């Protein structure tokens, strides 16, 4: 199953267009590597992506067949990590996966 389709059908992301956009910008990582929306996803893959003010890391448990009810979405993935990004830091064009910038030292 395509990466963007999995993100939409598992209800992790509400719109497939948003999933495509995140993939095109290199913001969705599969097993630690940025991937395009057309990348195939299989069980046991780990996905990491930003969503609003947090970064989610999930493991794929199963692939959906057809439409998924909201109560059944939790059988498709498990949340490994849910990092919150404080609002005062903002969330603009920066890469949330990049290491923090080094602070210049005064000598």
PDB file of N, CA and C in Angstrom:
ATOM      1  N   UNK A   1       0.850  -1.173   0.000  1.00  0.00           N
ATOM      2  CA  UNK A   1       0.000   0.000   0.000  1.00  0.00           C
ATOM      3  C   UNK A   1       0.896   1.236   0.000  1.00  0.00           C
ATOM      4  N   UNK A   2       0.498   2.241  -0.742  1.00  0.00           N
ATOM      5  CA  UNK A   2       1.241   3.495  -0.812  1.00  0.00           C
ATOM      6  C   UNK A   2       1.284   4.184   0.546  1.00  0.00           C
ATOM      7  N   UNK A   3       2.364   4.897   0.790  1.00  0.00           N
ATOM      8  CA  UNK A   3       2.555   5.603   2.053  1.00  0.00           C
ATOM      9  C   UNK A   3       1.459   6.623   2.311  1.00  0.00           C
ATOM     10  N   UNK A   4       1.140   7.446   1.310  1.00  0.00           N
ATOM     11  CA  UNK A   4       0.106   8.473   1.515  1.00  0.00           C
ATOM     12  C   UNK A   4      -1.263   7.846   1.749  1.00  0.00           C
ATOM     13  N   UNK A   5      -1.549   6.739   1.084  1.00  0.00           N
ATOM     14  CA  UNK A   5      -2.833   6.060   1.279  1.00  0.00           C
ATOM     15  C   UNK A   5      -2.922   5.466   2.679  1.00  0.00           C
ATOM     16  N   UNK A   6      -1.818   4.909   3.189  1.00  0.00           N
ATOM     17  CA  UNK A   6      -1.842   4.361   4.537  1.00  0.00           C
ATOM     18  C   UNK A   6      -2.083   5.451   5.571  1.00  0.00           C
ATOM     19  N   UNK A   7      -1.393   6.584   5.421  1.00  0.00           N
ATOM     20  CA  UNK A   7      -1.568   7.678   6.380  1.00  0.00           C
ATOM     21  C   UNK A   7      -3.013   8.161   6.403  1.00  0.00           C
ATOM     22  N   UNK A   8      -3.656   8.205   5.247  1.00  0.00           N
ATOM     23  CA  UNK A   8      -5.050   8.648   5.165  1.00  0.00           C
ATOM     24  C   UNK A   8      -6.003   7.582   5.714  1.00  0.00           C
ATOM     25  N   UNK A   9      -5.873   6.348   5.240  1.00  0.00           N
ATOM     26  CA  UNK A   9      -6.820   5.297   5.624  1.00  0.00           C
ATOM     27  C   UNK A   9      -6.703   4.916   7.088  1.00  0.00           C
ATOM     28  N   UNK A  10      -5.513   5.052   7.676  1.00  0.00           N
ATOM     29  CA  UNK A  10      -5.346   4.738   9.092  1.00  0.00           C
ATOM     30  C   UNK A  10      -5.789   5.900   9.980  1.00  0.00           C
ATOM     31  N   UNK A  11      -6.210   6.990   9.362  1.00  0.00           N
ATOM     32  CA  UNK A  11      -6.705   8.182  10.044  1.00  0.00           C
ATOM     33  C   UNK A  11      -5.619   8.914  10.835  1.00  0.00           C
ATOM     34  N   UNK A  12      -4.362   8.659  10.501  1.00  0.00           N
ATOM     35  CA  UNK A  12      -3.277   9.421  11.118  1.00  0.00           C
ATOM     36  C   UNK A  12      -3.273  10.851  10.580  1.00  0.00           C
ATOM     37  N   UNK A  13      -3.561  10.990   9.279  1.00  0.00           N
ATOM     38  CA  UNK A  13      -3.675  12.297   8.634  1.00  0.00           C
ATOM     39  C   UNK A  13      -5.039  12.340   7.967  1.00  0.00           C
ATOM     40  N   UNK A  14      -5.750  13.450   8.135  1.00  0.00           N
ATOM     41  CA  UNK A  14      -7.144  13.511   7.679  1.00  0.00           C
ATOM     42  C   UNK A  14      -7.310  13.583   6.173  1.00  0.00           C
ATOM     43  N   UNK A  15      -6.341  14.201   5.475  1.00  0.00           N
ATOM     44  CA  UNK A  15      -6.474  14.346   4.026  1.00  0.00           C
ATOM     45  C   UNK A  15      -5.264  13.772   3.313  1.00  0.00           C
ATOM     46  N   UNK A  16      -5.508  13.071   2.217  1.00  0.00           N
ATOM     47  CA  UNK A  16      -4.412  12.479   1.453  1.00  0.00           C
ATOM     48  C   UNK A  16      -3.544  13.568   0.826  1.00  0.00           C
ATOM     49  N   UNK A  17      -4.153  14.696   0.508  1.00  0.00           N
ATOM     50  CA  UNK A  17      -3.402  15.818  -0.051  1.00  0.00           C
ATOM     51  C   UNK A  17      -2.332  16.298   0.931  1.00  0.00           C
ATOM     52  N   UNK A  18      -2.678  16.357   2.214  1.00  0.00           N
ATOM     53  CA  UNK A  18      -1.708  16.756   3.236  1.00  0.00           C
ATOM     54  C   UNK A  18      -0.610  15.704   3.367  1.00  0.00           C
ATOM     55  N   UNK A  19      -0.966  14.436   3.301  1.00  0.00           N
ATOM     56  CA  UNK A  19       0.025  13.358   3.350  1.00  0.00           C
ATOM     57  C   UNK A  19       0.988  13.482   2.170  1.00  0.00           C
ATOM     58  N   UNK A  20       0.470  13.760   0.975  1.00  0.00           N
ATOM     59  CA  UNK A  20       1.315  13.951  -0.209  1.00  0.00           C
ATOM     60  C   UNK A  20       2.266  15.126  -0.019  1.00  0.00           C
ATOM     61  N   UNK A  21       1.745  16.225   0.513  1.00  0.00           N
ATOM     62  CA  UNK A  21       2.556  17.418   0.709  1.00  0.00           C
ATOM     63  C   UNK A  21       3.698  17.143   1.687  1.00  0.00           C
ATOM     64  N   UNK A  22       3.406  16.470   2.797  1.00  0.00           N
ATOM     65  CA  UNK A  22       4.445  16.146   3.772  1.00  0.00           C
ATOM     66  C   UNK A  22       5.509  15.238   3.148  1.00  0.00           C
ATOM     67  N   UNK A  23       5.079  14.275   2.347  1.00  0.00           N
ATOM     68  CA  UNK A  23       6.025  13.377   1.686  1.00  0.00           C
ATOM     69  C   UNK A  23       6.884  14.126   0.676  1.00  0.00           C
ATOM     70  N   UNK A  24       6.275  15.021  -0.109  1.00  0.00           N
ATOM     71  CA  UNK A  24       7.009  15.783  -1.115  1.00  0.00           C
ATOM     72  C   UNK A  24       8.077  16.670  -0.474  1.00  0.00           C
ATOM     73  N   UNK A  25       7.810  17.154   0.734  1.00  0.00           N
ATOM     74  CA  UNK A  25       8.753  18.017   1.434  1.00  0.00           C
ATOM     75  C   UNK A  25       9.800  17.214   2.208  1.00  0.00           C
ATOM     76  N   UNK A  26       9.724  15.887   2.142  1.00  0.00           N
ATOM     77  CA  UNK A  26      10.699  15.045   2.827  1.00  0.00           C
ATOM     78  C   UNK A  26      10.487  14.950   4.319  1.00  0.00           C
ATOM     79  N   UNK A  27       9.267  15.208   4.766  1.00  0.00           N
ATOM     80  CA  UNK A  27       8.976  15.240   6.199  1.00  0.00           C
ATOM     81  C   UNK A  27       8.521  13.893   6.757  1.00  0.00           C
ATOM     82  N   UNK A  28       8.207  12.932   5.897  1.00  0.00           N
ATOM     83  CA  UNK A  28       7.759  11.615   6.350  1.00  0.00           C
ATOM     84  C   UNK A  28       8.913  10.639   6.165  1.00  0.00           C
ATOM     85  N   UNK A  29       9.276   9.980   7.250  1.00  0.00           N
ATOM     86  CA  UNK A  29      10.380   9.028   7.201  1.00  0.00           C
ATOM     87  C   UNK A  29       9.851   7.620   7.426  1.00  0.00           C
ATOM     88  N   UNK A  30      10.322   6.700   6.619  1.00  0.00           N
ATOM     89  CA  UNK A  30       9.999   5.281   6.770  1.00  0.00           C
ATOM     90  C   UNK A  30      11.296   4.598   7.168  1.00  0.00           C
ATOM     91  N   UNK A  31      11.296   4.004   8.346  1.00  0.00           N
ATOM     92  CA  UNK A  31      12.500   3.366   8.894  1.00  0.00           C
ATOM     93  C   UNK A  31      13.692   4.318   8.885  1.00  0.00           C
ATOM     94  N   UNK A  32      13.436   5.593   9.204  1.00  0.00           N
ATOM     95  CA  UNK A  32      14.498   6.586   9.328  1.00  0.00           C
ATOM     96  C   UNK A  32      14.926   7.268   8.051  1.00  0.00           C
ATOM     97  N   UNK A  33      14.325   6.913   6.911  1.00  0.00           N
ATOM     98  CA  UNK A  33      14.718   7.492   5.623  1.00  0.00           C
ATOM     99  C   UNK A  33      13.542   8.264   5.035  1.00  0.00           C
ATOM    100  N   UNK A  34      13.742   9.542   4.625  1.00  0.00           N
ATOM    101  CA  UNK A  34      12.654  10.285   3.984  1.00  0.00           C
ATOM    102  C   UNK A  34      12.195   9.562   2.723  1.00  0.00           C
ATOM    103  N   UNK A  35      10.870   9.454   2.546  1.00  0.00           N
ATOM    104  CA  UNK A  35      10.317   8.722   1.407  1.00  0.00           C
ATOM    105  C   UNK A  35       9.261   9.547   0.687  1.00  0.00           C
ATOM    106  N   UNK A  36       9.051   9.202  -0.562  1.00  0.00           N
ATOM    107  CA  UNK A  36       7.998   9.833  -1.361  1.00  0.00           C
ATOM    108  C   UNK A  36       6.655   9.182  -1.056  1.00  0.00           C
ATOM    109  N   UNK A  37       5.579   9.818  -1.506  1.00  0.00           N
ATOM    110  CA  UNK A  37       4.220   9.332  -1.236  1.00  0.00           C
ATOM    111  C   UNK A  37       3.958   7.979  -1.878  1.00  0.00           C
ATOM    112  N   UNK A  38       4.675   7.650  -2.940  1.00  0.00           N
ATOM    113  CA  UNK A  38       4.439   6.396  -3.652  1.00  0.00           C
ATOM    114  C   UNK A  38       5.166   5.204  -3.031  1.00  0.00           C
ATOM    115  N   UNK A  39       5.946   5.436  -1.989  1.00  0.00           N
ATOM    116  CA  UNK A  39       6.679   4.352  -1.323  1.00  0.00           C
ATOM    117  C   UNK A  39       5.708   3.308  -0.765  1.00  0.00           C
ATOM    118  N   UNK A  40       6.021   2.028  -0.971  1.00  0.00           N
ATOM    119  CA  UNK A  40       5.187   0.963  -0.421  1.00  0.00           C
ATOM    120  C   UNK A  40       5.454   0.818   1.072  1.00  0.00           C
ATOM    121  N   UNK A  41       4.374   0.666   1.832  1.00  0.00           N
ATOM    122  CA  UNK A  41       4.453   0.465   3.276  1.00  0.00           C
ATOM    123  C   UNK A  41       4.034  -0.965   3.567  1.00  0.00           C
ATOM    124  N   UNK A  42       4.731  -1.598   4.497  1.00  0.00           N
ATOM    125  CA  UNK A  42       4.373  -2.959   4.892  1.00  0.00           C
ATOM    126  C   UNK A  42       4.370  -3.047   6.413  1.00  0.00           C
ATOM    127  N   UNK A  43       3.854  -4.138   6.943  1.00  0.00           N
ATOM    128  CA  UNK A  43       3.797  -4.335   8.386  1.00  0.00           C
ATOM    129  C   UNK A  43       5.207  -4.280   8.971  1.00  0.00           C
ATOM    130  N   UNK A  44       5.321  -3.744  10.160  1.00  0.00           N
ATOM    131  CA  UNK A  44       6.557  -3.581  10.934  1.00  0.00           C
ATOM    132  C   UNK A  44       7.410  -2.394  10.483  1.00  0.00           C
ATOM    133  N   UNK A  45       6.980  -1.626   9.484  1.00  0.00           N
ATOM    134  CA  UNK A  45       7.685  -0.395   9.135  1.00  0.00           C
ATOM    135  C   UNK A  45       7.434   0.635  10.215  1.00  0.00           C
ATOM    136  N   UNK A  46       8.435   1.485  10.465  1.00  0.00           N
ATOM    137  CA  UNK A  46       8.270   2.578  11.418  1.00  0.00           C
ATOM    138  C   UNK A  46       8.175   3.883  10.640  1.00  0.00           C
ATOM    139  N   UNK A  47       7.128   4.642  10.909  1.00  0.00           N
ATOM    140  CA  UNK A  47       6.884   5.920  10.244  1.00  0.00           C
ATOM    141  C   UNK A  47       7.094   7.043  11.247  1.00  0.00           C
ATOM    142  N   UNK A  48       7.716   8.123  10.794  1.00  0.00           N
ATOM    143  CA  UNK A  48       7.922   9.292  11.641  1.00  0.00           C
ATOM    144  C   UNK A  48       7.570  10.521  10.814  1.00  0.00           C
ATOM    145  N   UNK A  49       6.696  11.364  11.357  1.00  0.00           N
ATOM    146  CA  UNK A  49       6.256  12.539  10.612  1.00  0.00           C
ATOM    147  C   UNK A  49       5.731  13.603  11.569  1.00  0.00           C
ATOM    148  N   UNK A  50       5.858  14.895  11.167  1.00  0.00           N
ATOM    149  CA  UNK A  50       5.315  15.978  11.988  1.00  0.00           C
ATOM    150  C   UNK A  50       3.827  16.158  11.710  1.00  0.00           C
ATOM    151  N   UNK A  51       3.113  16.528  12.740  1.00  0.00           N
ATOM    152  CA  UNK A  51       1.690  16.784  12.603  1.00  0.00           C
ATOM    153  C   UNK A  51       1.323  17.891  13.570  1.00  0.00           C
ATOM    154  N   UNK A  52       1.089  19.087  13.028  1.00  0.00           N
ATOM    155  CA  UNK A  52       0.771  20.278  13.809  1.00  0.00           C
ATOM    156  C   UNK A  52       1.873  20.557  14.816  1.00  0.00           C
ATOM    157  N   UNK A  53       1.620  20.443  16.115  1.00  0.00           N
ATOM    158  CA  UNK A  53       2.627  20.808  17.107  1.00  0.00           C
ATOM    159  C   UNK A  53       3.295  19.587  17.745  1.00  0.00           C
ATOM    160  N   UNK A  54       3.404  18.496  16.987  1.00  0.00           N
ATOM    161  CA  UNK A  54       4.053  17.295  17.522  1.00  0.00           C
ATOM    162  C   UNK A  54       4.667  16.472  16.391  1.00  0.00           C
ATOM    163  N   UNK A  55       5.521  15.551  16.778  1.00  0.00           N
ATOM    164  CA  UNK A  55       6.134  14.611  15.840  1.00  0.00           C
ATOM    165  C   UNK A  55       5.748  13.218  16.304  1.00  0.00           C
ATOM    166  N   UNK A  56       5.098  12.467  15.431  1.00  0.00           N
ATOM    167  CA  UNK A  56       4.649  11.114  15.755  1.00  0.00           C
ATOM    168  C   UNK A  56       5.592  10.078  15.167  1.00  0.00           C
ATOM    169  N   UNK A  57       5.831   9.031  15.930  1.00  0.00           N
ATOM    170  CA  UNK A  57       6.570   7.872  15.437  1.00  0.00           C
ATOM    171  C   UNK A  57       5.688   6.667  15.722  1.00  0.00           C
ATOM    172  N   UNK A  58       5.303   5.959  14.653  1.00  0.00           N
ATOM    173  CA  UNK A  58       4.389   4.813  14.791  1.00  0.00           C
ATOM    174  C   UNK A  58       4.963   3.597  14.080  1.00  0.00           C
ATOM    175  N   UNK A  59       4.547   2.419  14.530  1.00  0.00           N
ATOM    176  CA  UNK A  59       4.905   1.161  13.860  1.00  0.00           C
ATOM    177  C   UNK A  59       3.649   0.618  13.193  1.00  0.00           C
ATOM    178  N   UNK A  60       3.764   0.244  11.936  1.00  0.00           N
ATOM    179  CA  UNK A  60       2.643  -0.319  11.183  1.00  0.00           C
ATOM    180  C   UNK A  60       2.428  -1.758  11.653  1.00  0.00           C
ATOM    181  N   UNK A  61       1.209  -2.070  12.090  1.00  0.00           N
ATOM    182  CA  UNK A  61       0.879  -3.428  12.520  1.00  0.00           C
ATOM    183  C   UNK A  61       0.159  -4.202  11.426  1.00  0.00           C
ATOM    184  N   UNK A  62      -0.699  -3.514  10.679  1.00  0.00           N
ATOM    185  CA  UNK A  62      -1.475  -4.158   9.617  1.00  0.00           C
ATOM    186  C   UNK A  62      -1.839  -3.104   8.578  1.00  0.00           C
ATOM    187  N   UNK A  63      -2.154  -3.570   7.382  1.00  0.00           N
ATOM    188  CA  UNK A  63      -2.583  -2.672   6.317  1.00  0.00           C
ATOM    189  C   UNK A  63      -4.104  -2.720   6.207  1.00  0.00           C
ATOM    190  N   UNK A  64      -4.745  -1.550   6.076  1.00  0.00           N
ATOM    191  CA  UNK A  64      -6.210  -1.533   5.991  1.00  0.00           C
ATOM    192  C   UNK A  64      -6.711  -2.050   4.647  1.00  0.00           C
ATOM    193  N   UNK A  65      -7.853  -2.679   4.704  1.00  0.00           N
ATOM    194  CA  UNK A  65      -8.537  -3.103   3.483  1.00  0.00           C
ATOM    195  C   UNK A  65      -9.869  -2.377   3.449  1.00  0.00           C
ATOM    196  N   UNK A  66     -10.019  -1.479   2.493  1.00  0.00           N
ATOM    197  CA  UNK A  66     -11.239  -0.683   2.416  1.00  0.00           C
ATOM    198  C   UNK A  66     -11.215   0.437   3.437  1.00  0.00           C
ATOM    199  N   UNK A  67     -12.397   0.956   3.747  1.00  0.00           N
ATOM    200  CA  UNK A  67     -12.514   2.043   4.708  1.00  0.00           C
ATOM    201  C   UNK A  67     -12.366   1.522   6.131  1.00  0.00           C
ATOM    202  N   UNK A  68     -11.843   2.372   6.995  1.00  0.00           N
ATOM    203  CA  UNK A  68     -11.575   1.991   8.375  1.00  0.00           C
ATOM    204  C   UNK A  68     -12.463   2.815   9.302  1.00  0.00           C
ATOM    205  N   UNK A  69     -13.117   2.156  10.243  1.00  0.00           N
ATOM    206  CA  UNK A  69     -13.907   2.870  11.242  1.00  0.00           C
ATOM    207  C   UNK A  69     -12.958   3.506  12.239  1.00  0.00           C
ATOM    208  N   UNK A  70     -13.393   4.626  12.810  1.00  0.00           N
ATOM    209  CA  UNK A  70     -12.537   5.363  13.721  1.00  0.00           C
ATOM    210  C   UNK A  70     -12.081   4.500  14.902  1.00  0.00           C
ATOM    211  N   UNK A  71     -12.924   3.631  15.399  1.00  0.00           N
ATOM    212  CA  UNK A  71     -12.569   2.775  16.522  1.00  0.00           C
ATOM    213  C   UNK A  71     -11.596   1.671  16.157  1.00  0.00           C
ATOM    214  N   UNK A  72     -11.507   1.341  14.872  1.00  0.00           N
ATOM    215  CA  UNK A  72     -10.636   0.254  14.428  1.00  0.00           C
ATOM    216  C   UNK A  72      -9.244   0.731  14.014  1.00  0.00           C
ATOM    217  N   UNK A  73      -9.031   2.037  13.981  1.00  0.00           N
ATOM    218  CA  UNK A  73      -7.752   2.557  13.509  1.00  0.00           C
ATOM    219  C   UNK A  73      -6.583   2.095  14.377  1.00  0.00           C
ATOM    220  N   UNK A  74      -6.799   1.850  15.662  1.00  0.00           N
ATOM    221  CA  UNK A  74      -5.715   1.496  16.577  1.00  0.00           C
ATOM    222  C   UNK A  74      -5.186   0.087  16.329  1.00  0.00           C
ATOM    223  N   UNK A  75      -5.887  -0.712  15.555  1.00  0.00           N
ATOM    224  CA  UNK A  75      -5.387  -2.047  15.234  1.00  0.00           C
ATOM    225  C   UNK A  75      -4.397  -2.001  14.065  1.00  0.00           C
ATOM    226  N   UNK A  76      -4.262  -0.847  13.414  1.00  0.00           N
ATOM    227  CA  UNK A  76      -3.387  -0.717  12.253  1.00  0.00           C
ATOM    228  C   UNK A  76      -1.978  -0.260  12.616  1.00  0.00           C
ATOM    229  N   UNK A  77      -1.819   0.419  13.739  1.00  0.00           N
ATOM    230  CA  UNK A  77      -0.512   0.948  14.118  1.00  0.00           C
ATOM    231  C   UNK A  77      -0.420   1.064  15.627  1.00  0.00           C
ATOM    232  N   UNK A  78       0.820   1.177  16.125  1.00  0.00           N
ATOM    233  CA  UNK A  78       1.035   1.480  17.533  1.00  0.00           C
ATOM    234  C   UNK A  78       1.922   2.708  17.614  1.00  0.00           C
ATOM    235  N   UNK A  79       1.621   3.591  18.538  1.00  0.00           N
ATOM    236  CA  UNK A  79       2.393   4.815  18.703  1.00  0.00           C
ATOM    237  C   UNK A  79       3.631   4.491  19.525  1.00  0.00           C
ATOM    238  N   UNK A  80       4.792   4.733  18.950  1.00  0.00           N
ATOM    239  CA  UNK A  80       6.053   4.490  19.644  1.00  0.00           C
ATOM    240  C   UNK A  80       6.523   5.724  20.386  1.00  0.00           C
ATOM    241  N   UNK A  81       6.275   6.895  19.783  1.00  0.00           N
ATOM    242  CA  UNK A  81       6.738   8.144  20.371  1.00  0.00           C
ATOM    243  C   UNK A  81       5.819   9.277  19.920  1.00  0.00           C
ATOM    244  N   UNK A  82       5.540  10.181  20.832  1.00  0.00           N
ATOM    245  CA  UNK A  82       4.705  11.352  20.543  1.00  0.00           C
ATOM    246  C   UNK A  82       5.395  12.550  21.164  1.00  0.00           C
ATOM    247  N   UNK A  83       6.257  13.225  20.376  1.00  0.00           N
ATOM    248  CA  UNK A  83       7.006  14.373  20.886  1.00  0.00           C
ATOM    249  C   UNK A  83       6.201  15.641  20.649  1.00  0.00           C
ATOM    250  N   UNK A  84       5.985  16.381  21.699  1.00  0.00           N
ATOM    251  CA  UNK A  84       5.304  17.672  21.587  1.00  0.00           C
ATOM    252  C   UNK A  84       6.319  18.763  21.293  1.00  0.00           C
ATOM    253  N   UNK A  85       5.958  19.678  20.413  1.00  0.00           N
ATOM    254  CA  UNK A  85       6.796  20.827  20.088  1.00  0.00           C
ATOM    255  C   UNK A  85       6.126  22.040  20.713  1.00  0.00           C
ATOM    256  N   UNK A  86       6.781  22.711  21.676  1.00  0.00           N
ATOM    257  CA  UNK A  86       6.166  23.874  22.326  1.00  0.00           C
ATOM    258  C   UNK A  86       5.779  24.938  21.308  1.00  0.00           C
ATOM    259  N   UNK A  87       4.641  25.556  21.525  1.00  0.00           N
ATOM    260  CA  UNK A  87       4.102  26.543  20.583  1.00  0.00           C
ATOM    261  C   UNK A  87       5.015  27.752  20.433  1.00  0.00           C
ATOM    262  N   UNK A  88       5.752  28.143  21.499  1.00  0.00           N
ATOM    263  CA  UNK A  88       6.585  29.334  21.393  1.00  0.00           C
ATOM    264  C   UNK A  88       7.776  29.137  20.455  1.00  0.00           C
ATOM    265  N   UNK A  89       8.132  27.888  20.164  1.00  0.00           N
ATOM    266  CA  UNK A  89       9.200  27.638  19.205  1.00  0.00           C
ATOM    267  C   UNK A  89       8.703  27.749  17.781  1.00  0.00           C
ATOM    268  N   UNK A  90       7.402  27.706  17.596  1.00  0.00           N
ATOM    269  CA  UNK A  90       6.833  27.804  16.259  1.00  0.00           C
ATOM    270  C   UNK A  90       7.078  26.529  15.478  1.00  0.00           C
ATOM    271  N   UNK A  91       6.496  26.473  14.317  1.00  0.00           N
ATOM    272  CA  UNK A  91       6.672  25.293  13.471  1.00  0.00           C
ATOM    273  C   UNK A  91       6.482  25.743  12.046  1.00  0.00           C
ATOM    274  N   UNK A  92       7.509  26.393  11.518  1.00  0.00           N
ATOM    275  CA  UNK A  92       7.405  26.937  10.176  1.00  0.00           C
ATOM    276  C   UNK A  92       8.079  26.055   9.158  1.00  0.00           C
ATOM    277  N   UNK A  93       9.071  26.616   8.493  1.00  0.00           N
ATOM    278  CA  UNK A  93       9.748  25.904   7.416  1.00  0.00           C
ATOM    279  C   UNK A  93      10.902  25.019   7.900  1.00  0.00           C
ATOM    280  N   UNK A  94      11.194  25.042   9.209  1.00  0.00           N
ATOM    281  CA  UNK A  94      12.310  24.246   9.696  1.00  0.00           C
ATOM    282  C   UNK A  94      11.987  22.762   9.600  1.00  0.00           C
ATOM    283  N   UNK A  95      13.038  21.975   9.502  1.00  0.00           N
ATOM    284  CA  UNK A  95      12.898  20.521   9.500  1.00  0.00           C
ATOM    285  C   UNK A  95      12.836  20.052  10.949  1.00  0.00           C
ATOM    286  N   UNK A  96      11.729  19.436  11.388  1.00  0.00           N
ATOM    287  CA  UNK A  96      11.635  19.022  12.791  1.00  0.00           C
ATOM    288  C   UNK A  96      12.599  17.890  13.130  1.00  0.00           C
ATOM    289  N   UNK A  97      13.197  17.263  12.126  1.00  0.00           N
ATOM    290  CA  UNK A  97      14.123  16.164  12.372  1.00  0.00           C
ATOM    291  C   UNK A  97      15.572  16.640  12.427  1.00  0.00           C
ATOM    292  N   UNK A  98      15.802  17.893  12.070  1.00  0.00           N
ATOM    293  CA  UNK A  98      17.163  18.416  12.068  1.00  0.00           C
ATOM    294  C   UNK A  98      17.650  18.596  13.504  1.00  0.00           C
ATOM    295  N   UNK A  99      18.964  18.442  13.729  1.00  0.00           N
ATOM    296  CA  UNK A  99      19.475  18.670  15.086  1.00  0.00           C
ATOM    297  C   UNK A  99      19.343  20.133  15.450  1.00  0.00           C
ATOM    298  N   UNK A 100      19.228  20.427  16.729  1.00  0.00           N
ATOM    299  CA  UNK A 100      19.081  21.823  17.128  1.00  0.00           C
ATOM    300  C   UNK A 100      20.319  22.625  16.738  1.00  0.00           C
ATOM    301  N   UNK A 101      20.150  23.906  16.421  1.00  0.00           N
ATOM    302  CA  UNK A 101      21.291  24.713  16.016  1.00  0.00           C
ATOM    303  C   UNK A 101      22.243  24.919  17.197  1.00  0.00           C
ATOM    304  N   UNK A 102      23.508  25.049  16.869  1.00  0.00           N
ATOM    305  CA  UNK A 102      24.508  25.284  17.919  1.00  0.00           C
ATOM    306  C   UNK A 102      24.437  26.741  18.340  1.00  0.00           C
ATOM    307  N   UNK A 103      24.508  26.957  19.635  1.00  0.00           N
ATOM    308  CA  UNK A 103      24.453  28.319  20.176  1.00  0.00           C
ATOM    309  C   UNK A 103      25.869  28.879  20.170  1.00  0.00           C
ATOM    310  N   UNK A 104      26.058  30.081  19.589  1.00  0.00           N
ATOM    311  CA  UNK A 104      27.398  30.652  19.571  1.00  0.00           C
ATOM    312  C   UNK A 104      27.849  30.990  20.986  1.00  0.00           C
ATOM    313  N   UNK A 105      29.116  30.751  21.237  1.00  0.00           N
ATOM    314  CA  UNK A 105      29.667  31.050  22.569  1.00  0.00           C
ATOM    315  C   UNK A 105      30.442  32.356  22.508  1.00  0.00           C
ATOM    316  N   UNK A 106      30.300  33.133  23.547  1.00  0.00           N
ATOM    317  CA  UNK A 106      31.062  34.372  23.650  1.00  0.00           C
ATOM    318  C   UNK A 106      32.394  34.081  24.347  1.00  0.00           C
ATOM    319  N   UNK A 107      33.480  34.526  23.752  1.00  0.00           N
ATOM    320  CA  UNK A 107      34.787  34.259  24.337  1.00  0.00           C
ATOM    321  C   UNK A 107      35.316  35.488  24.992  1.00  0.00           C
TER     322      UNK A 107
END
